[in-house]
Amino acid sequence: MRADHVTAMVAALVVTAAVASAEVTSGPQVGESVGAFLVTKVTGNPDDGVADGKTLCYRCRMGNKPVVMVFARSADEKFAKFLTKLEEELEEHADDQLTAFVNMIGTDAESLKKAAADFAAKHDFKRIAFVVPEEVENGPEDFKIARDADLTVVCYKGGTVKANHAVAKGGLNDDMIDAMVEASCNLVD
């Protein structure tokens, strides 16, 4: 019986260590303000009143609404799973004006725009806007998006960060997805 208890404790520590090692510090932190920055809308969320191809400050456009702002360096099936769950929450909390936008970041704006459009179309996202920031490599400099963060999720309301999750490449898992979706829900509670 004691061996089973020790085995369970070791397994729990391994899982905790794996989750902790997947997280990095990236982006505006809890309590900080989210500043203005320019992006080009690629696709998604036709109800936001922004035409595809338009350059604007999406942060400014969202005003004081509860927002899930994502910075992503890659888009794989785990990322799609997160966005699918997030989109369900956006639909459920539409009356609360919960909204989201994904900033695709990397080295080449045109390639990112094409990849974002293809990814959004493949997964049929309706409520999430996909954008490419003018500071394409790492997003706005003052946001301090970490180079080792494959995904940075900033939940803010009234321009103030309420939650932040950042994940290293390959670190996104179901527990992280659930935590990020829960943080988005907490914006409207």
N, C-alpha and C. Protein backbone atom coordinates (compact mmCIF):
# COMPACT_ATOMS: atom_id res chain seq x y z
N MET A 1 0.83 -1.19 0.00
CA MET A 1 0.00 0.00 0.00
C MET A 1 0.87 1.26 0.00
N ARG A 2 1.93 1.25 0.78
CA ARG A 2 2.82 2.40 0.86
C ARG A 2 3.50 2.65 -0.48
N ALA A 3 3.88 1.63 -1.19
CA ALA A 3 4.51 1.78 -2.50
C ALA A 3 3.56 2.45 -3.48
N ASP A 4 2.27 2.12 -3.42
CA ASP A 4 1.29 2.76 -4.29
C ASP A 4 1.19 4.25 -3.98
N HIS A 5 1.24 4.58 -2.69
CA HIS A 5 1.16 5.99 -2.28
C HIS A 5 2.37 6.76 -2.80
N VAL A 6 3.56 6.19 -2.67
CA VAL A 6 4.79 6.84 -3.15
C VAL A 6 4.74 6.98 -4.67
N THR A 7 4.29 5.95 -5.36
CA THR A 7 4.18 6.00 -6.82
C THR A 7 3.23 7.12 -7.24
N ALA A 8 2.11 7.25 -6.56
CA ALA A 8 1.14 8.31 -6.88
C ALA A 8 1.74 9.69 -6.64
N MET A 9 2.51 9.82 -5.55
CA MET A 9 3.14 11.12 -5.26
C MET A 9 4.18 11.47 -6.32
N VAL A 10 4.97 10.51 -6.73
CA VAL A 10 5.98 10.75 -7.76
C VAL A 10 5.31 11.14 -9.07
N ALA A 11 4.23 10.43 -9.42
CA ALA A 11 3.51 10.76 -10.66
C ALA A 11 2.96 12.18 -10.60
N ALA A 12 2.42 12.58 -9.46
CA ALA A 12 1.88 13.94 -9.32
C ALA A 12 2.99 14.98 -9.46
N LEU A 13 4.17 14.69 -8.88
CA LEU A 13 5.29 15.62 -9.00
C LEU A 13 5.78 15.74 -10.44
N VAL A 14 5.79 14.63 -11.17
CA VAL A 14 6.21 14.65 -12.57
C VAL A 14 5.25 15.50 -13.39
N VAL A 15 3.95 15.33 -13.17
CA VAL A 15 2.95 16.12 -13.89
C VAL A 15 3.10 17.60 -13.55
N THR A 16 3.25 17.92 -12.25
CA THR A 16 3.42 19.31 -11.84
C THR A 16 4.67 19.91 -12.46
N ALA A 17 5.77 19.17 -12.47
CA ALA A 17 7.01 19.67 -13.06
C ALA A 17 6.85 19.89 -14.55
N ALA A 18 6.14 18.99 -15.22
CA ALA A 18 5.93 19.14 -16.67
C ALA A 18 5.12 20.38 -16.97
N VAL A 19 4.07 20.64 -16.18
CA VAL A 19 3.26 21.85 -16.39
C VAL A 19 4.09 23.08 -16.09
N ALA A 20 4.85 23.08 -15.00
CA ALA A 20 5.66 24.24 -14.63
C ALA A 20 6.72 24.53 -15.68
N SER A 21 7.35 23.49 -16.23
CA SER A 21 8.39 23.72 -17.21
C SER A 21 7.83 24.20 -18.54
N ALA A 22 6.56 23.95 -18.78
CA ALA A 22 5.94 24.38 -20.02
C ALA A 22 5.63 25.88 -19.97
N GLU A 23 5.46 26.43 -18.77
CA GLU A 23 5.10 27.82 -18.63
C GLU A 23 6.35 28.71 -18.65
N VAL A 24 6.20 29.85 -19.26
CA VAL A 24 7.25 30.86 -19.29
C VAL A 24 6.59 32.19 -18.93
N THR A 25 7.40 33.20 -18.64
CA THR A 25 6.87 34.53 -18.37
C THR A 25 6.89 35.31 -19.68
N SER A 26 5.73 35.78 -20.09
CA SER A 26 5.63 36.47 -21.37
C SER A 26 4.42 37.40 -21.36
N GLY A 27 4.59 38.57 -21.92
CA GLY A 27 3.48 39.49 -22.10
C GLY A 27 3.14 40.28 -20.85
N PRO A 28 2.18 41.20 -20.99
CA PRO A 28 1.74 41.99 -19.84
C PRO A 28 1.24 41.08 -18.72
N GLN A 29 1.63 41.39 -17.50
CA GLN A 29 1.29 40.57 -16.34
C GLN A 29 0.07 41.12 -15.60
N VAL A 30 -0.48 40.31 -14.73
CA VAL A 30 -1.68 40.66 -13.97
C VAL A 30 -1.49 42.01 -13.29
N GLY A 31 -2.49 42.88 -13.47
CA GLY A 31 -2.47 44.22 -12.89
C GLY A 31 -1.90 45.29 -13.81
N GLU A 32 -1.16 44.88 -14.83
CA GLU A 32 -0.59 45.84 -15.77
C GLU A 32 -1.63 46.26 -16.80
N SER A 33 -1.36 47.39 -17.43
CA SER A 33 -2.25 47.90 -18.48
C SER A 33 -1.84 47.34 -19.83
N VAL A 34 -2.82 47.17 -20.71
CA VAL A 34 -2.57 46.73 -22.07
C VAL A 34 -2.60 47.97 -22.95
N GLY A 35 -1.46 48.28 -23.54
CA GLY A 35 -1.34 49.48 -24.36
C GLY A 35 -1.84 49.27 -25.78
N ALA A 36 -1.88 50.37 -26.51
CA ALA A 36 -2.33 50.36 -27.91
C ALA A 36 -1.21 49.85 -28.81
N PHE A 37 -1.61 49.16 -29.89
CA PHE A 37 -0.65 48.73 -30.91
C PHE A 37 -1.41 48.44 -32.19
N LEU A 38 -0.71 48.57 -33.32
CA LEU A 38 -1.34 48.40 -34.62
C LEU A 38 -1.21 46.97 -35.14
N VAL A 39 -2.31 46.51 -35.75
CA VAL A 39 -2.35 45.19 -36.36
C VAL A 39 -3.07 45.30 -37.70
N THR A 40 -2.92 44.28 -38.51
CA THR A 40 -3.73 44.15 -39.72
C THR A 40 -4.63 42.95 -39.52
N LYS A 41 -5.94 43.17 -39.67
CA LYS A 41 -6.87 42.06 -39.53
C LYS A 41 -6.75 41.17 -40.77
N VAL A 42 -6.62 39.87 -40.52
CA VAL A 42 -6.51 38.91 -41.60
C VAL A 42 -7.86 38.30 -41.91
N THR A 43 -8.54 37.81 -40.86
CA THR A 43 -9.82 37.12 -41.05
C THR A 43 -10.50 36.93 -39.70
N GLY A 44 -11.70 36.38 -39.76
CA GLY A 44 -12.42 36.01 -38.54
C GLY A 44 -13.35 37.08 -38.04
N ASN A 45 -14.18 36.70 -37.10
CA ASN A 45 -15.15 37.56 -36.42
C ASN A 45 -15.72 38.65 -37.31
N PRO A 46 -16.58 38.28 -38.24
CA PRO A 46 -17.17 39.27 -39.13
C PRO A 46 -18.09 40.27 -38.41
N ASP A 47 -18.47 39.95 -37.19
CA ASP A 47 -19.37 40.83 -36.44
C ASP A 47 -18.65 41.95 -35.69
N ASP A 48 -17.31 41.99 -35.79
CA ASP A 48 -16.59 43.03 -35.06
C ASP A 48 -16.55 44.37 -35.80
N GLY A 49 -17.07 44.40 -37.03
CA GLY A 49 -17.12 45.64 -37.78
C GLY A 49 -15.80 46.04 -38.42
N VAL A 50 -14.83 45.14 -38.44
CA VAL A 50 -13.52 45.44 -39.02
C VAL A 50 -13.36 44.59 -40.27
N ALA A 51 -13.10 45.23 -41.39
CA ALA A 51 -12.92 44.52 -42.65
C ALA A 51 -11.56 43.81 -42.68
N ASP A 52 -11.54 42.65 -43.30
CA ASP A 52 -10.27 41.95 -43.51
C ASP A 52 -9.33 42.87 -44.29
N GLY A 53 -8.07 42.91 -43.90
CA GLY A 53 -7.07 43.74 -44.57
C GLY A 53 -6.91 45.12 -43.95
N LYS A 54 -7.80 45.49 -43.02
CA LYS A 54 -7.72 46.82 -42.41
C LYS A 54 -6.66 46.85 -41.31
N THR A 55 -5.90 47.95 -41.26
CA THR A 55 -4.92 48.17 -40.20
C THR A 55 -5.55 49.09 -39.16
N LEU A 56 -5.45 48.68 -37.90
CA LEU A 56 -6.06 49.44 -36.81
C LEU A 56 -5.46 49.01 -35.48
N CYS A 57 -5.88 49.66 -34.43
CA CYS A 57 -5.54 49.25 -33.08
C CYS A 57 -6.71 48.42 -32.57
N TYR A 58 -6.54 47.11 -32.56
CA TYR A 58 -7.62 46.21 -32.10
C TYR A 58 -7.87 46.40 -30.62
N ARG A 59 -6.81 46.63 -29.86
CA ARG A 59 -6.96 46.89 -28.43
C ARG A 59 -7.87 48.09 -28.23
N CYS A 60 -7.65 49.14 -29.01
CA CYS A 60 -8.48 50.35 -28.92
C CYS A 60 -9.92 50.05 -29.33
N ARG A 61 -10.07 49.28 -30.37
CA ARG A 61 -11.40 48.93 -30.90
C ARG A 61 -12.23 48.18 -29.87
N MET A 62 -11.59 47.35 -29.05
CA MET A 62 -12.30 46.54 -28.06
C MET A 62 -12.68 47.36 -26.82
N GLY A 63 -12.05 48.52 -26.65
CA GLY A 63 -12.39 49.39 -25.52
C GLY A 63 -12.30 48.70 -24.18
N ASN A 64 -13.37 48.78 -23.39
CA ASN A 64 -13.38 48.22 -22.04
C ASN A 64 -13.96 46.82 -21.97
N LYS A 65 -14.22 46.21 -23.11
CA LYS A 65 -14.78 44.86 -23.14
C LYS A 65 -13.83 43.85 -22.50
N PRO A 66 -14.36 42.72 -22.06
CA PRO A 66 -13.49 41.63 -21.63
C PRO A 66 -12.90 40.97 -22.87
N VAL A 67 -11.56 40.87 -22.91
CA VAL A 67 -10.87 40.42 -24.12
C VAL A 67 -9.85 39.33 -23.78
N VAL A 68 -9.80 38.33 -24.65
CA VAL A 68 -8.73 37.34 -24.61
C VAL A 68 -7.84 37.64 -25.81
N MET A 69 -6.62 38.11 -25.50
CA MET A 69 -5.65 38.49 -26.53
C MET A 69 -4.55 37.42 -26.56
N VAL A 70 -4.37 36.83 -27.73
CA VAL A 70 -3.45 35.72 -27.87
C VAL A 70 -2.31 36.12 -28.81
N PHE A 71 -1.09 35.74 -28.44
CA PHE A 71 0.06 35.85 -29.33
C PHE A 71 0.55 34.43 -29.59
N ALA A 72 0.57 34.03 -30.85
CA ALA A 72 0.94 32.66 -31.21
C ALA A 72 2.03 32.65 -32.26
N ARG A 73 3.02 31.81 -32.06
CA ARG A 73 4.10 31.63 -33.03
C ARG A 73 3.83 30.48 -33.98
N SER A 74 2.94 29.58 -33.59
CA SER A 74 2.59 28.44 -34.43
C SER A 74 1.13 28.09 -34.21
N ALA A 75 0.59 27.33 -35.13
CA ALA A 75 -0.82 26.95 -35.06
C ALA A 75 -0.95 25.46 -35.39
N ASP A 76 -1.10 24.66 -34.34
CA ASP A 76 -1.23 23.22 -34.53
C ASP A 76 -2.58 22.75 -33.99
N GLU A 77 -2.76 21.46 -33.89
CA GLU A 77 -4.06 20.92 -33.45
C GLU A 77 -4.35 21.20 -31.98
N LYS A 78 -3.33 21.25 -31.13
CA LYS A 78 -3.55 21.62 -29.72
C LYS A 78 -4.03 23.07 -29.63
N PHE A 79 -3.43 23.93 -30.43
CA PHE A 79 -3.85 25.34 -30.46
C PHE A 79 -5.29 25.42 -30.96
N ALA A 80 -5.62 24.65 -31.97
CA ALA A 80 -6.99 24.62 -32.49
C ALA A 80 -7.97 24.15 -31.42
N LYS A 81 -7.55 23.19 -30.62
CA LYS A 81 -8.41 22.69 -29.53
C LYS A 81 -8.68 23.81 -28.53
N PHE A 82 -7.64 24.55 -28.17
CA PHE A 82 -7.81 25.69 -27.27
C PHE A 82 -8.78 26.71 -27.86
N LEU A 83 -8.56 27.10 -29.11
CA LEU A 83 -9.42 28.11 -29.73
C LEU A 83 -10.85 27.63 -29.91
N THR A 84 -11.05 26.35 -30.15
CA THR A 84 -12.40 25.80 -30.26
C THR A 84 -13.13 25.94 -28.93
N LYS A 85 -12.46 25.60 -27.84
CA LYS A 85 -13.07 25.75 -26.50
C LYS A 85 -13.30 27.23 -26.18
N LEU A 86 -12.34 28.07 -26.57
CA LEU A 86 -12.49 29.50 -26.34
C LEU A 86 -13.68 30.04 -27.12
N GLU A 87 -13.82 29.60 -28.36
CA GLU A 87 -14.93 30.07 -29.18
C GLU A 87 -16.29 29.68 -28.57
N GLU A 88 -16.36 28.51 -27.96
CA GLU A 88 -17.59 28.10 -27.27
C GLU A 88 -17.91 29.08 -26.15
N GLU A 89 -16.88 29.51 -25.41
CA GLU A 89 -17.09 30.48 -24.33
C GLU A 89 -17.50 31.85 -24.89
N LEU A 90 -16.91 32.24 -26.00
CA LEU A 90 -17.27 33.51 -26.62
C LEU A 90 -18.75 33.51 -27.01
N GLU A 91 -19.21 32.39 -27.53
CA GLU A 91 -20.62 32.28 -27.91
C GLU A 91 -21.51 32.31 -26.67
N GLU A 92 -21.12 31.55 -25.65
CA GLU A 92 -21.91 31.50 -24.42
C GLU A 92 -22.00 32.86 -23.74
N HIS A 93 -20.93 33.65 -23.84
CA HIS A 93 -20.88 34.95 -23.16
C HIS A 93 -20.99 36.12 -24.13
N ALA A 94 -21.66 35.91 -25.23
CA ALA A 94 -21.82 36.98 -26.23
C ALA A 94 -22.54 38.19 -25.62
N ASP A 95 -23.52 37.95 -24.75
CA ASP A 95 -24.23 39.07 -24.12
C ASP A 95 -23.33 39.88 -23.20
N ASP A 96 -22.26 39.26 -22.72
CA ASP A 96 -21.29 39.95 -21.87
C ASP A 96 -20.21 40.65 -22.70
N GLN A 97 -20.29 40.52 -24.03
CA GLN A 97 -19.36 41.11 -24.98
C GLN A 97 -17.94 40.55 -24.87
N LEU A 98 -17.82 39.32 -24.36
CA LEU A 98 -16.52 38.67 -24.33
C LEU A 98 -16.04 38.49 -25.77
N THR A 99 -14.81 38.87 -26.03
CA THR A 99 -14.26 38.80 -27.38
C THR A 99 -12.82 38.31 -27.33
N ALA A 100 -12.30 37.96 -28.51
CA ALA A 100 -10.92 37.46 -28.57
C ALA A 100 -10.29 37.79 -29.91
N PHE A 101 -8.97 37.97 -29.88
CA PHE A 101 -8.23 38.08 -31.13
C PHE A 101 -6.87 37.44 -30.99
N VAL A 102 -6.42 36.82 -32.08
CA VAL A 102 -5.16 36.09 -32.12
C VAL A 102 -4.17 36.88 -32.96
N ASN A 103 -3.04 37.21 -32.37
CA ASN A 103 -1.92 37.86 -33.05
C ASN A 103 -0.95 36.77 -33.48
N MET A 104 -0.81 36.56 -34.77
CA MET A 104 0.19 35.62 -35.27
C MET A 104 1.50 36.36 -35.38
N ILE A 105 2.55 35.84 -34.75
CA ILE A 105 3.85 36.50 -34.76
C ILE A 105 4.92 35.56 -35.31
N GLY A 106 5.95 36.15 -35.91
CA GLY A 106 7.02 35.37 -36.52
C GLY A 106 7.90 36.28 -37.36
N THR A 107 8.48 35.71 -38.41
CA THR A 107 9.46 36.48 -39.17
C THR A 107 8.91 37.16 -40.42
N ASP A 108 7.84 36.66 -41.00
CA ASP A 108 7.38 37.18 -42.28
C ASP A 108 5.87 37.45 -42.25
N ALA A 109 5.50 38.72 -42.32
CA ALA A 109 4.08 39.10 -42.20
C ALA A 109 3.20 38.44 -43.26
N GLU A 110 3.65 38.40 -44.48
CA GLU A 110 2.81 37.83 -45.55
C GLU A 110 2.57 36.33 -45.35
N SER A 111 3.61 35.61 -44.96
CA SER A 111 3.45 34.18 -44.68
C SER A 111 2.52 33.96 -43.49
N LEU A 112 2.64 34.80 -42.47
CA LEU A 112 1.77 34.69 -41.30
C LEU A 112 0.31 34.95 -41.67
N LYS A 113 0.08 35.94 -42.51
CA LYS A 113 -1.29 36.25 -42.93
C LYS A 113 -1.91 35.07 -43.67
N LYS A 114 -1.15 34.46 -44.56
CA LYS A 114 -1.66 33.31 -45.30
C LYS A 114 -1.91 32.13 -44.36
N ALA A 115 -0.96 31.86 -43.48
CA ALA A 115 -1.11 30.74 -42.54
C ALA A 115 -2.30 30.96 -41.62
N ALA A 116 -2.49 32.19 -41.14
CA ALA A 116 -3.62 32.50 -40.26
C ALA A 116 -4.95 32.30 -40.98
N ALA A 117 -5.03 32.79 -42.21
CA ALA A 117 -6.26 32.64 -43.00
C ALA A 117 -6.57 31.16 -43.25
N ASP A 118 -5.55 30.40 -43.61
CA ASP A 118 -5.75 28.97 -43.86
C ASP A 118 -6.17 28.23 -42.59
N PHE A 119 -5.52 28.53 -41.47
CA PHE A 119 -5.81 27.89 -40.19
C PHE A 119 -7.24 28.21 -39.75
N ALA A 120 -7.63 29.49 -39.83
CA ALA A 120 -8.98 29.90 -39.42
C ALA A 120 -10.03 29.24 -40.29
N ALA A 121 -9.78 29.17 -41.59
CA ALA A 121 -10.73 28.54 -42.50
C ALA A 121 -10.84 27.04 -42.24
N LYS A 122 -9.71 26.39 -42.04
CA LYS A 122 -9.70 24.94 -41.80
C LYS A 122 -10.53 24.56 -40.58
N HIS A 123 -10.45 25.40 -39.54
CA HIS A 123 -11.14 25.09 -38.29
C HIS A 123 -12.46 25.83 -38.13
N ASP A 124 -12.81 26.61 -39.14
CA ASP A 124 -14.11 27.30 -39.19
C ASP A 124 -14.38 28.17 -37.97
N PHE A 125 -13.36 28.93 -37.55
CA PHE A 125 -13.55 29.84 -36.43
C PHE A 125 -14.41 31.02 -36.88
N LYS A 126 -15.42 31.34 -36.11
CA LYS A 126 -16.36 32.41 -36.46
C LYS A 126 -16.24 33.64 -35.56
N ARG A 127 -15.91 33.45 -34.30
CA ARG A 127 -15.96 34.54 -33.33
C ARG A 127 -14.58 35.09 -32.94
N ILE A 128 -13.53 34.52 -33.49
CA ILE A 128 -12.18 34.94 -33.13
C ILE A 128 -11.55 35.63 -34.34
N ALA A 129 -11.06 36.84 -34.12
CA ALA A 129 -10.36 37.56 -35.19
C ALA A 129 -8.89 37.14 -35.19
N PHE A 130 -8.33 37.01 -36.38
CA PHE A 130 -6.91 36.71 -36.55
C PHE A 130 -6.24 37.93 -37.15
N VAL A 131 -5.16 38.38 -36.50
CA VAL A 131 -4.47 39.59 -36.92
C VAL A 131 -2.96 39.33 -36.95
N VAL A 132 -2.24 40.24 -37.62
CA VAL A 132 -0.79 40.23 -37.60
C VAL A 132 -0.35 41.62 -37.15
N PRO A 133 0.40 41.71 -36.03
CA PRO A 133 0.83 43.02 -35.55
C PRO A 133 1.91 43.62 -36.45
N GLU A 134 1.99 44.96 -36.44
CA GLU A 134 3.04 45.63 -37.21
C GLU A 134 4.42 45.20 -36.75
N GLU A 135 4.58 45.02 -35.46
CA GLU A 135 5.84 44.51 -34.91
C GLU A 135 5.72 42.99 -34.94
N VAL A 136 5.95 42.45 -36.13
CA VAL A 136 5.58 41.08 -36.46
C VAL A 136 6.39 40.01 -35.73
N GLU A 137 7.64 40.27 -35.44
CA GLU A 137 8.48 39.21 -34.87
C GLU A 137 8.06 38.79 -33.46
N ASN A 138 7.83 39.75 -32.57
CA ASN A 138 7.49 39.45 -31.17
C ASN A 138 6.33 40.28 -30.64
N GLY A 139 5.57 40.89 -31.51
CA GLY A 139 4.51 41.76 -31.03
C GLY A 139 5.10 43.07 -30.53
N PRO A 140 4.27 43.92 -29.95
CA PRO A 140 4.74 45.22 -29.47
C PRO A 140 5.89 45.06 -28.47
N GLU A 141 6.94 45.84 -28.65
CA GLU A 141 8.13 45.71 -27.82
C GLU A 141 7.81 45.84 -26.33
N ASP A 142 6.94 46.79 -25.98
CA ASP A 142 6.65 47.01 -24.56
C ASP A 142 5.77 45.90 -23.96
N PHE A 143 5.27 44.98 -24.78
CA PHE A 143 4.50 43.85 -24.26
C PHE A 143 5.41 42.74 -23.74
N LYS A 144 6.68 42.76 -24.15
CA LYS A 144 7.67 41.79 -23.68
C LYS A 144 7.22 40.34 -23.91
N ILE A 145 6.80 40.05 -25.14
CA ILE A 145 6.45 38.67 -25.50
C ILE A 145 7.77 37.89 -25.58
N ALA A 146 7.90 36.87 -24.75
CA ALA A 146 9.15 36.11 -24.67
C ALA A 146 9.40 35.33 -25.96
N ARG A 147 10.64 35.30 -26.37
CA ARG A 147 11.02 34.56 -27.58
C ARG A 147 10.79 33.06 -27.42
N ASP A 148 10.88 32.56 -26.19
CA ASP A 148 10.67 31.13 -25.96
C ASP A 148 9.21 30.79 -25.67
N ALA A 149 8.33 31.78 -25.73
CA ALA A 149 6.89 31.52 -25.56
C ALA A 149 6.27 31.25 -26.93
N ASP A 150 5.79 30.05 -27.11
CA ASP A 150 5.10 29.71 -28.35
C ASP A 150 3.69 30.29 -28.34
N LEU A 151 3.14 30.42 -27.14
CA LEU A 151 1.78 30.92 -26.97
C LEU A 151 1.73 31.80 -25.73
N THR A 152 1.19 33.00 -25.88
CA THR A 152 0.96 33.90 -24.76
C THR A 152 -0.50 34.32 -24.80
N VAL A 153 -1.22 34.07 -23.71
CA VAL A 153 -2.65 34.38 -23.62
C VAL A 153 -2.84 35.40 -22.51
N VAL A 154 -3.33 36.58 -22.88
CA VAL A 154 -3.54 37.66 -21.93
C VAL A 154 -5.04 37.96 -21.87
N CYS A 155 -5.62 37.77 -20.69
CA CYS A 155 -7.04 38.08 -20.48
C CYS A 155 -7.12 39.42 -19.78
N TYR A 156 -7.81 40.36 -20.40
CA TYR A 156 -7.91 41.68 -19.79
C TYR A 156 -9.32 42.24 -19.91
N LYS A 157 -9.61 43.18 -19.02
CA LYS A 157 -10.90 43.85 -19.01
C LYS A 157 -10.65 45.30 -18.60
N GLY A 158 -11.26 46.23 -19.33
CA GLY A 158 -11.03 47.64 -19.03
C GLY A 158 -9.57 48.03 -19.22
N GLY A 159 -8.85 47.28 -20.05
CA GLY A 159 -7.46 47.59 -20.33
C GLY A 159 -6.47 47.07 -19.29
N THR A 160 -6.97 46.38 -18.25
CA THR A 160 -6.10 45.86 -17.20
C THR A 160 -6.06 44.34 -17.25
N VAL A 161 -4.85 43.79 -17.18
CA VAL A 161 -4.67 42.34 -17.25
C VAL A 161 -5.22 41.67 -16.00
N LYS A 162 -6.07 40.67 -16.23
CA LYS A 162 -6.66 39.88 -15.15
C LYS A 162 -6.02 38.50 -15.04
N ALA A 163 -5.48 37.99 -16.15
CA ALA A 163 -4.81 36.68 -16.16
C ALA A 163 -3.82 36.64 -17.31
N ASN A 164 -2.77 35.86 -17.13
CA ASN A 164 -1.75 35.70 -18.17
C ASN A 164 -1.25 34.26 -18.12
N HIS A 165 -1.21 33.62 -19.27
CA HIS A 165 -0.65 32.27 -19.40
C HIS A 165 0.29 32.29 -20.60
N ALA A 166 1.47 31.73 -20.41
CA ALA A 166 2.42 31.62 -21.52
C ALA A 166 2.98 30.20 -21.51
N VAL A 167 3.15 29.66 -22.70
CA VAL A 167 3.56 28.27 -22.84
C VAL A 167 4.71 28.17 -23.84
N ALA A 168 5.73 27.39 -23.48
CA ALA A 168 6.84 27.12 -24.39
C ALA A 168 6.39 26.16 -25.48
N LYS A 169 7.12 26.11 -26.57
CA LYS A 169 6.80 25.22 -27.68
C LYS A 169 6.67 23.78 -27.18
N GLY A 170 5.58 23.14 -27.58
CA GLY A 170 5.33 21.76 -27.19
C GLY A 170 4.74 21.60 -25.80
N GLY A 171 4.54 22.71 -25.08
CA GLY A 171 4.07 22.63 -23.70
C GLY A 171 2.56 22.74 -23.52
N LEU A 172 1.84 23.01 -24.59
CA LEU A 172 0.39 23.15 -24.47
C LEU A 172 -0.23 21.77 -24.26
N ASN A 173 -0.98 21.66 -23.17
CA ASN A 173 -1.65 20.39 -22.87
C ASN A 173 -3.08 20.68 -22.40
N ASP A 174 -3.84 19.65 -22.14
CA ASP A 174 -5.24 19.82 -21.78
C ASP A 174 -5.42 20.62 -20.50
N ASP A 175 -4.54 20.45 -19.50
CA ASP A 175 -4.64 21.22 -18.26
C ASP A 175 -4.43 22.71 -18.53
N MET A 176 -3.45 23.03 -19.36
CA MET A 176 -3.20 24.43 -19.71
C MET A 176 -4.39 25.01 -20.48
N ILE A 177 -4.92 24.23 -21.41
CA ILE A 177 -6.08 24.68 -22.19
C ILE A 177 -7.23 25.00 -21.26
N ASP A 178 -7.51 24.10 -20.34
CA ASP A 178 -8.62 24.32 -19.39
C ASP A 178 -8.38 25.56 -18.53
N ALA A 179 -7.15 25.77 -18.08
CA ALA A 179 -6.83 26.94 -17.25
C ALA A 179 -7.00 28.24 -18.04
N MET A 180 -6.60 28.23 -19.31
CA MET A 180 -6.73 29.44 -20.13
C MET A 180 -8.19 29.74 -20.44
N VAL A 181 -8.97 28.71 -20.70
CA VAL A 181 -10.40 28.92 -20.98
C VAL A 181 -11.10 29.39 -19.71
N GLU A 182 -10.75 28.83 -18.56
CA GLU A 182 -11.34 29.26 -17.31
C GLU A 182 -11.03 30.73 -17.03
N ALA A 183 -9.79 31.15 -17.33
CA ALA A 183 -9.41 32.55 -17.13
C ALA A 183 -10.26 33.47 -18.00
N SER A 184 -10.59 33.02 -19.21
CA SER A 184 -11.45 33.84 -20.08
C SER A 184 -12.85 33.95 -19.49
N CYS A 185 -13.34 32.86 -18.92
CA CYS A 185 -14.68 32.88 -18.31
C CYS A 185 -14.72 33.81 -17.10
N ASN A 186 -13.62 33.86 -16.35
CA ASN A 186 -13.56 34.70 -15.16
C ASN A 186 -13.65 36.18 -15.48
N LEU A 187 -13.41 36.56 -16.74
CA LEU A 187 -13.53 37.96 -17.14
C LEU A 187 -14.96 38.45 -17.06
N VAL A 188 -15.91 37.55 -17.13
CA VAL A 188 -17.33 37.95 -17.17
C VAL A 188 -18.09 37.57 -15.91
N ASP A 189 -17.40 37.01 -14.93
CA ASP A 189 -18.07 36.65 -13.67
C ASP A 189 -18.25 37.84 -12.77
